[in-house]
């Protein structure tokens, strides 16, 4: 399938396949290049601004003693597109290998995509995170249905 024919979801799936392969060029090609492309990372930093910094992050990620073995949507992904903009969001399960230790992590992910001049979807904003266990000290405010 030609890149210009991919849906927003297929574009994100191809991005995840590139991450699993540690294909730096394909990972970087998934982003709208520029100083204001914005990423909220799942790691210890809150954000990365600009593709120069994003690309350095991917270079360092690929060199780290870890590998993502699989990235699986467990909820969604849901998406919508309008003209040259789209979003894709859902819950992901990552299977990670760090120095031979394999484990799974669950994250929520949202991507805002924009079509480029070749009609290919690219990431304009990316947000990957996990909920805090009790951010306000009151537990989950969503009450159980008592029927």
C-alpha atoms as a PDB file:
ATOM      1  CA  UNK A   1       0.000   0.000   0.000  1.00  0.00           C
ATOM      2  CA  UNK A   2       1.394   3.412  -0.940  1.00  0.00           C
ATOM      3  CA  UNK A   3       1.942   5.779   1.977  1.00  0.00           C
ATOM      4  CA  UNK A   4      -0.432   8.378   0.565  1.00  0.00           C
ATOM      5  CA  UNK A   5      -3.204   5.774   0.680  1.00  0.00           C
ATOM      6  CA  UNK A   6      -2.824   4.984   4.403  1.00  0.00           C
ATOM      7  CA  UNK A   7      -5.515   6.016   6.837  1.00  0.00           C
ATOM      8  CA  UNK A   8      -4.464   7.900   9.978  1.00  0.00           C
ATOM      9  CA  UNK A   9      -4.676   4.640  11.978  1.00  0.00           C
ATOM     10  CA  UNK A  10      -2.597   2.754   9.398  1.00  0.00           C
ATOM     11  CA  UNK A  11      -0.013   5.549   9.532  1.00  0.00           C
ATOM     12  CA  UNK A  12       0.292   5.189  13.319  1.00  0.00           C
ATOM     13  CA  UNK A  13       0.465   1.396  13.008  1.00  0.00           C
ATOM     14  CA  UNK A  14       3.322   1.801  10.488  1.00  0.00           C
ATOM     15  CA  UNK A  15       5.021   4.188  12.942  1.00  0.00           C
ATOM     16  CA  UNK A  16       4.770   1.534  15.673  1.00  0.00           C
ATOM     17  CA  UNK A  17       6.169  -1.120  13.328  1.00  0.00           C
ATOM     18  CA  UNK A  18       9.133   1.203  12.641  1.00  0.00           C
ATOM     19  CA  UNK A  19       9.689   1.591  16.397  1.00  0.00           C
ATOM     20  CA  UNK A  20       9.723  -2.195  16.874  1.00  0.00           C
ATOM     21  CA  UNK A  21      12.255  -2.511  14.008  1.00  0.00           C
ATOM     22  CA  UNK A  22      14.236   0.455  15.415  1.00  0.00           C
ATOM     23  CA  UNK A  23      14.063   1.977  11.928  1.00  0.00           C
ATOM     24  CA  UNK A  24      15.259   5.486  12.758  1.00  0.00           C
ATOM     25  CA  UNK A  25      14.597   6.948   9.294  1.00  0.00           C
ATOM     26  CA  UNK A  26      11.008   5.651   9.191  1.00  0.00           C
ATOM     27  CA  UNK A  27      10.368   6.818  12.762  1.00  0.00           C
ATOM     28  CA  UNK A  28      11.556  10.344  11.962  1.00  0.00           C
ATOM     29  CA  UNK A  29       9.627  10.443   8.669  1.00  0.00           C
ATOM     30  CA  UNK A  30       6.422   9.937  10.682  1.00  0.00           C
ATOM     31  CA  UNK A  31       6.636  13.465  12.147  1.00  0.00           C
ATOM     32  CA  UNK A  32       5.801  16.887  10.741  1.00  0.00           C
ATOM     33  CA  UNK A  33       9.267  18.418  10.727  1.00  0.00           C
ATOM     34  CA  UNK A  34       9.604  21.691  12.600  1.00  0.00           C
ATOM     35  CA  UNK A  35      10.390  23.502  15.810  1.00  0.00           C
ATOM     36  CA  UNK A  36       6.801  23.345  17.095  1.00  0.00           C
ATOM     37  CA  UNK A  37       6.005  19.639  16.696  1.00  0.00           C
ATOM     38  CA  UNK A  38       5.244  18.574  20.268  1.00  0.00           C
ATOM     39  CA  UNK A  39       5.512  15.224  22.073  1.00  0.00           C
ATOM     40  CA  UNK A  40       4.438  14.238  25.585  1.00  0.00           C
ATOM     41  CA  UNK A  41       6.606  11.223  26.343  1.00  0.00           C
ATOM     42  CA  UNK A  42       5.683   8.319  28.604  1.00  0.00           C
ATOM     43  CA  UNK A  43       9.028   8.423  30.385  1.00  0.00           C
ATOM     44  CA  UNK A  44      10.554  10.585  33.102  1.00  0.00           C
ATOM     45  CA  UNK A  45      10.459  13.774  30.993  1.00  0.00           C
ATOM     46  CA  UNK A  46       7.182  15.597  30.476  1.00  0.00           C
ATOM     47  CA  UNK A  47       7.624  16.760  26.914  1.00  0.00           C
ATOM     48  CA  UNK A  48       9.870  17.224  23.916  1.00  0.00           C
ATOM     49  CA  UNK A  49       9.483  20.213  21.624  1.00  0.00           C
ATOM     50  CA  UNK A  50      10.742  20.343  18.054  1.00  0.00           C
ATOM     51  CA  UNK A  51      11.779  17.568  15.734  1.00  0.00           C
ATOM     52  CA  UNK A  52      15.488  18.226  16.310  1.00  0.00           C
ATOM     53  CA  UNK A  53      14.951  17.194  19.944  1.00  0.00           C
ATOM     54  CA  UNK A  54      12.415  14.479  19.074  1.00  0.00           C
ATOM     55  CA  UNK A  55      14.839  12.915  16.597  1.00  0.00           C
ATOM     56  CA  UNK A  56      17.659  12.982  19.189  1.00  0.00           C
ATOM     57  CA  UNK A  57      15.299  11.212  21.605  1.00  0.00           C
ATOM     58  CA  UNK A  58      14.629   8.460  19.051  1.00  0.00           C
ATOM     59  CA  UNK A  59      18.351   8.126  18.294  1.00  0.00           C
ATOM     60  CA  UNK A  60      19.035   7.666  22.019  1.00  0.00           C
ATOM     61  CA  UNK A  61      16.019   5.335  22.433  1.00  0.00           C
ATOM     62  CA  UNK A  62      17.304   3.091  19.639  1.00  0.00           C
ATOM     63  CA  UNK A  63      20.738   2.968  21.312  1.00  0.00           C
ATOM     64  CA  UNK A  64      19.311   2.153  24.766  1.00  0.00           C
ATOM     65  CA  UNK A  65      19.523  -1.434  26.088  1.00  0.00           C
ATOM     66  CA  UNK A  66      15.846  -2.040  25.442  1.00  0.00           C
ATOM     67  CA  UNK A  67      13.507  -3.061  22.662  1.00  0.00           C
ATOM     68  CA  UNK A  68       9.776  -2.959  22.152  1.00  0.00           C
ATOM     69  CA  UNK A  69       8.713  -6.456  21.120  1.00  0.00           C
ATOM     70  CA  UNK A  70       5.093  -5.552  20.417  1.00  0.00           C
ATOM     71  CA  UNK A  71       2.694  -2.623  20.558  1.00  0.00           C
ATOM     72  CA  UNK A  72      -0.952  -3.693  20.668  1.00  0.00           C
ATOM     73  CA  UNK A  73      -4.104  -1.589  20.743  1.00  0.00           C
ATOM     74  CA  UNK A  74      -6.282  -2.941  23.588  1.00  0.00           C
ATOM     75  CA  UNK A  75      -8.936  -0.210  23.376  1.00  0.00           C
ATOM     76  CA  UNK A  76      -9.590   1.482  20.075  1.00  0.00           C
ATOM     77  CA  UNK A  77      -7.923   2.961  18.323  1.00  0.00           C
ATOM     78  CA  UNK A  78     -10.559   5.545  17.708  1.00  0.00           C
ATOM     79  CA  UNK A  79     -10.006   8.172  15.062  1.00  0.00           C
ATOM     80  CA  UNK A  80     -11.537  10.981  13.097  1.00  0.00           C
ATOM     81  CA  UNK A  81     -10.301  12.986  10.155  1.00  0.00           C
ATOM     82  CA  UNK A  82     -11.371  16.265   8.670  1.00  0.00           C
ATOM     83  CA  UNK A  83      -9.570  17.631   5.652  1.00  0.00           C
ATOM     84  CA  UNK A  84      -5.863  17.730   6.378  1.00  0.00           C
ATOM     85  CA  UNK A  85      -6.113  17.020  10.132  1.00  0.00           C
ATOM     86  CA  UNK A  86      -6.906  13.825  12.038  1.00  0.00           C
ATOM     87  CA  UNK A  87      -6.579  12.263  15.463  1.00  0.00           C
ATOM     88  CA  UNK A  88      -6.018   8.680  16.579  1.00  0.00           C
ATOM     89  CA  UNK A  89      -6.373   7.589  20.223  1.00  0.00           C
ATOM     90  CA  UNK A  90      -6.689   4.495  22.356  1.00  0.00           C
ATOM     91  CA  UNK A  91      -5.076   2.281  24.963  1.00  0.00           C
ATOM     92  CA  UNK A  92      -1.858   0.420  24.158  1.00  0.00           C
ATOM     93  CA  UNK A  93      -0.088  -2.529  25.655  1.00  0.00           C
ATOM     94  CA  UNK A  94       3.662  -2.558  25.081  1.00  0.00           C
ATOM     95  CA  UNK A  95       5.749  -5.685  25.469  1.00  0.00           C
ATOM     96  CA  UNK A  96       9.211  -4.473  26.432  1.00  0.00           C
ATOM     97  CA  UNK A  97      12.560  -6.219  26.686  1.00  0.00           C
ATOM     98  CA  UNK A  98      15.086  -4.418  28.882  1.00  0.00           C
ATOM     99  CA  UNK A  99      18.415  -6.225  29.157  1.00  0.00           C
ATOM    100  CA  UNK A 100      16.664  -9.591  28.761  1.00  0.00           C
ATOM    101  CA  UNK A 101      13.845  -8.861  31.223  1.00  0.00           C
ATOM    102  CA  UNK A 102      10.488  -8.915  29.401  1.00  0.00           C
ATOM    103  CA  UNK A 103       7.432  -7.150  30.834  1.00  0.00           C
ATOM    104  CA  UNK A 104       4.294  -5.340  29.704  1.00  0.00           C
ATOM    105  CA  UNK A 105       3.177  -1.755  30.257  1.00  0.00           C
ATOM    106  CA  UNK A 106      -0.185  -0.167  29.476  1.00  0.00           C
ATOM    107  CA  UNK A 107      -0.441   3.410  28.203  1.00  0.00           C
ATOM    108  CA  UNK A 108      -3.015   5.701  26.681  1.00  0.00           C
ATOM    109  CA  UNK A 109      -1.970   7.351  23.430  1.00  0.00           C
ATOM    110  CA  UNK A 110      -3.298  10.224  21.357  1.00  0.00           C
ATOM    111  CA  UNK A 111      -1.912  11.460  18.057  1.00  0.00           C
ATOM    112  CA  UNK A 112      -2.839  14.585  16.128  1.00  0.00           C
ATOM    113  CA  UNK A 113      -1.880  14.105  12.483  1.00  0.00           C
ATOM    114  CA  UNK A 114      -1.575  16.436   9.539  1.00  0.00           C
ATOM    115  CA  UNK A 115      -1.359  15.611   5.844  1.00  0.00           C
ATOM    116  CA  UNK A 116       1.836  16.731   4.165  1.00  0.00           C
ATOM    117  CA  UNK A 117       2.227  17.946   0.577  1.00  0.00           C
ATOM    118  CA  UNK A 118       2.354  14.315  -0.631  1.00  0.00           C
ATOM    119  CA  UNK A 119      -0.971  13.577   1.157  1.00  0.00           C
ATOM    120  CA  UNK A 120       0.778  11.374   3.766  1.00  0.00           C
ATOM    121  CA  UNK A 121      -0.328  11.555   7.399  1.00  0.00           C
ATOM    122  CA  UNK A 122       2.383  12.764   9.793  1.00  0.00           C
ATOM    123  CA  UNK A 123       2.423  13.283  13.552  1.00  0.00           C
ATOM    124  CA  UNK A 124       1.986  16.895  14.643  1.00  0.00           C
ATOM    125  CA  UNK A 125       1.406  16.149  18.329  1.00  0.00           C
ATOM    126  CA  UNK A 126       1.857  12.895  20.261  1.00  0.00           C
ATOM    127  CA  UNK A 127       0.787  12.149  23.827  1.00  0.00           C
ATOM    128  CA  UNK A 128       1.622   8.843  25.521  1.00  0.00           C
ATOM    129  CA  UNK A 129       0.969   8.543  29.259  1.00  0.00           C
ATOM    130  CA  UNK A 130      -0.312   6.396  32.096  1.00  0.00           C
ATOM    131  CA  UNK A 131      -2.829   7.554  34.712  1.00  0.00           C
ATOM    132  CA  UNK A 132      -1.568   8.366  38.188  1.00  0.00           C
ATOM    133  CA  UNK A 133      -2.846   5.902  40.798  1.00  0.00           C
ATOM    134  CA  UNK A 134      -4.481   8.557  43.032  1.00  0.00           C
ATOM    135  CA  UNK A 135      -3.678  12.104  41.852  1.00  0.00           C
ATOM    136  CA  UNK A 136      -6.000  13.890  44.324  1.00  0.00           C
ATOM    137  CA  UNK A 137      -5.798  11.549  47.320  1.00  0.00           C
ATOM    138  CA  UNK A 138      -9.502  10.594  47.145  1.00  0.00           C
ATOM    139  CA  UNK A 139      -9.333   7.490  44.980  1.00  0.00           C
ATOM    140  CA  UNK A 140     -11.574   7.196  41.936  1.00  0.00           C
ATOM    141  CA  UNK A 141     -14.400   9.735  42.106  1.00  0.00           C
ATOM    142  CA  UNK A 142     -16.469   7.678  39.670  1.00  0.00           C
ATOM    143  CA  UNK A 143     -19.090   6.027  41.867  1.00  0.00           C
ATOM    144  CA  UNK A 144     -20.184   2.435  41.382  1.00  0.00           C
ATOM    145  CA  UNK A 145     -23.701   2.017  40.010  1.00  0.00           C
ATOM    146  CA  UNK A 146     -25.750   0.820  43.011  1.00  0.00           C
ATOM    147  CA  UNK A 147     -28.714  -0.733  41.153  1.00  0.00           C
END
